[in-house]
Structure formats: structure tokens, C-alpha cells
Amino acid sequence: MGYTARVTQKSGDGGVDVIAHLDALGFQPPIIRIQRKRTTSQHGIGEVNQLLGTLGEGEFGLFVSLGPISRAAKGLERNRSKLRLTDSEAFVDMILENYGKLSPRYRAIVPLKQIYVPDL
């Protein structure tokens, strides 16, 4: 997808886990602040608002959850053009769609092999 990403510190990051940007130094917009949730419990509007509170002018937020995202949080996304919410299904689809563009380093972490199945 053409972005450089860096993982933030464990504490004091305001809930942001990854910051992605187009250039290696992190100055060229758009800058995307990413918050990830590894638990499979439902995530709500409070957690999404925490991410929104970290966004500066011209920055975007991506909330990635392995669990479901509440209806209220999805409503918030509809009203905020600089926010995207992604559940586990959409995240896996994104990985599969862009797998060939990943560096060998990351393909080694998640080794996948494409197979073809006849559509009957």
C-alpha cells in the first residue's frame, strides 16, 4: 500500500499502536494513527473516541479489532470522514488482497500459498 509504519511505545501513546505515513521520516501526509485491539470482546464508542482524540490536523484514524465493533462505534465512523473501523474479517481480506505487495520479511511471518479452486 506504499506506507512506512512504526510501532509506538507501550505506554503514553494515547491508545495509538502504529503510526503510518508515506515517507520514511514520517512528515508527508496523510498520516494514519492506528489502534489495534487483540481481544475478541466487543469494542465500543469509548475506545474509538480515544483514537479520535489523538488525531491532529490532516491525520486519519484506523481502528483494527479482532472482536466485533459496536453499532454506536460504527455510527461514529459514518459521521467522521477521517476514521475507519476494521473488524477481523475485513482485516484478513485486506491482508489477502495486498499479500503480494508485502515485503518478504512480513510474508515470512505469515506464509501463505495461493491455490486455485474450480468454480463449479
Protein backbone atom coordinates (compact mmCIF):
# COMPACT_ATOMS: atom_id res chain seq x y z
CA MET A 1 0.00 0.00 0.00
CA GLY A 2 3.08 2.21 -0.04
CA TYR A 3 3.24 3.24 3.62
CA THR A 4 6.04 3.16 6.16
CA ALA A 5 4.85 2.17 9.63
CA ARG A 6 6.34 2.33 13.08
CA VAL A 7 5.14 0.78 16.32
CA THR A 8 4.70 3.25 19.19
CA GLN A 9 5.74 2.87 22.82
CA LYS A 10 3.65 0.59 25.03
CA SER A 11 2.61 3.39 27.40
CA GLY A 12 1.90 7.06 26.95
CA ASP A 13 0.82 6.62 23.34
CA GLY A 14 -2.77 7.73 23.88
CA GLY A 15 -4.01 4.39 22.59
CA VAL A 16 -2.15 4.61 19.28
CA ASP A 17 -0.23 1.42 18.49
CA VAL A 18 1.11 2.18 15.00
CA ILE A 19 1.73 5.34 13.00
CA ALA A 20 1.83 5.01 9.21
CA HIS A 21 2.99 7.60 6.68
CA LEU A 22 4.11 7.82 3.07
CA ASP A 23 7.73 8.89 3.60
CA ALA A 24 10.47 7.28 5.68
CA LEU A 25 10.72 10.24 8.08
CA GLY A 26 7.01 10.48 8.80
CA PHE A 27 6.37 14.03 7.63
CA GLN A 28 4.48 13.53 4.39
CA PRO A 29 0.70 13.37 4.79
CA PRO A 30 -1.54 11.57 5.09
CA ILE A 31 -0.51 10.29 8.50
CA ILE A 32 -2.58 7.40 9.81
CA ARG A 33 -2.78 6.60 13.52
CA ILE A 34 -3.77 3.00 14.16
CA GLN A 35 -5.19 1.47 17.30
CA ARG A 36 -5.46 -2.30 17.42
CA LYS A 37 -7.47 -4.49 19.75
CA ARG A 38 -6.43 -8.13 20.11
CA THR A 39 -9.32 -9.25 22.28
CA THR A 40 -12.39 -10.83 20.75
CA SER A 41 -14.80 -8.92 23.00
CA GLN A 42 -16.91 -6.14 21.54
CA HIS A 43 -15.28 -2.73 21.23
CA GLY A 44 -17.31 0.42 21.58
CA ILE A 45 -17.55 4.12 21.10
CA GLY A 46 -15.32 4.98 24.06
CA GLU A 47 -12.33 3.18 22.59
CA VAL A 48 -12.92 4.71 19.18
CA ASN A 49 -13.24 8.19 20.72
CA GLN A 50 -9.89 7.63 22.43
CA LEU A 51 -8.32 7.16 18.99
CA LEU A 52 -10.14 10.20 17.58
CA GLY A 53 -8.73 12.30 20.43
CA THR A 54 -5.18 11.61 19.23
CA LEU A 55 -5.72 12.85 15.68
CA GLY A 56 -4.18 16.11 14.60
CA GLU A 57 -4.99 18.29 11.60
CA GLY A 58 -4.91 16.22 8.41
CA GLU A 59 -4.43 12.91 10.24
CA PHE A 60 -6.59 9.83 9.90
CA GLY A 61 -7.52 7.08 12.34
CA LEU A 62 -7.78 3.34 11.75
CA PHE A 63 -9.28 1.15 14.47
CA VAL A 64 -8.50 -2.55 13.93
CA SER A 65 -10.33 -5.06 16.10
CA LEU A 66 -10.29 -8.85 16.26
CA GLY A 67 -13.63 -8.65 18.02
CA PRO A 68 -16.91 -7.13 16.92
CA ILE A 69 -17.38 -3.36 16.81
CA SER A 70 -20.47 -1.88 18.45
CA ARG A 71 -23.28 -0.30 16.45
CA ALA A 72 -22.64 3.04 18.19
CA ALA A 73 -18.99 2.98 17.14
CA LYS A 74 -20.00 2.19 13.56
CA GLY A 75 -22.36 5.16 13.69
CA LEU A 76 -19.46 7.36 14.75
CA GLU A 77 -17.47 6.14 11.74
CA ARG A 78 -20.28 7.15 9.37
CA ASN A 79 -20.06 10.72 10.69
CA ARG A 80 -16.25 11.04 10.61
CA SER A 81 -14.56 11.06 7.21
CA LYS A 82 -11.13 10.64 8.78
CA LEU A 83 -11.99 7.43 10.66
CA ARG A 84 -12.13 3.80 9.53
CA LEU A 85 -13.12 0.81 11.65
CA THR A 86 -11.94 -2.65 10.63
CA ASP A 87 -13.02 -5.93 12.16
CA SER A 88 -11.14 -9.22 11.85
CA GLU A 89 -12.92 -10.31 8.68
CA ALA A 90 -12.17 -7.06 6.85
CA PHE A 91 -8.58 -7.10 8.14
CA VAL A 92 -7.96 -10.61 6.78
CA ASP A 93 -9.50 -9.58 3.45
CA MET A 94 -7.13 -6.59 3.34
CA ILE A 95 -4.11 -8.82 4.02
CA LEU A 96 -5.12 -11.29 1.31
CA GLU A 97 -5.75 -8.50 -1.19
CA ASN A 98 -2.32 -6.93 -0.57
CA TYR A 99 -0.28 -10.03 0.30
CA GLY A 100 1.78 -9.92 -2.90
CA LYS A 101 2.85 -6.34 -2.09
CA LEU A 102 4.22 -7.25 1.34
CA SER A 103 7.97 -7.42 1.81
CA PRO A 104 9.48 -10.91 2.11
CA ARG A 105 10.08 -10.19 5.80
CA TYR A 106 6.34 -9.99 6.50
CA ARG A 107 5.41 -12.79 4.12
CA ALA A 108 7.77 -14.99 6.15
CA ILE A 109 5.82 -14.15 9.31
CA VAL A 110 2.51 -15.04 7.63
CA PRO A 111 3.44 -17.59 4.94
CA LEU A 112 0.51 -18.10 2.57
CA LYS A 113 0.29 -20.03 -0.66
CA GLN A 114 -2.30 -19.23 -3.29
CA ILE A 115 -4.31 -22.16 -4.58
CA TYR A 116 -6.91 -22.24 -7.29
CA VAL A 117 -10.24 -23.99 -6.85
CA PRO A 118 -12.57 -24.54 -9.78
CA ASP A 119 -15.77 -22.55 -9.62
CA LEU A 120 -18.41 -25.19 -10.30
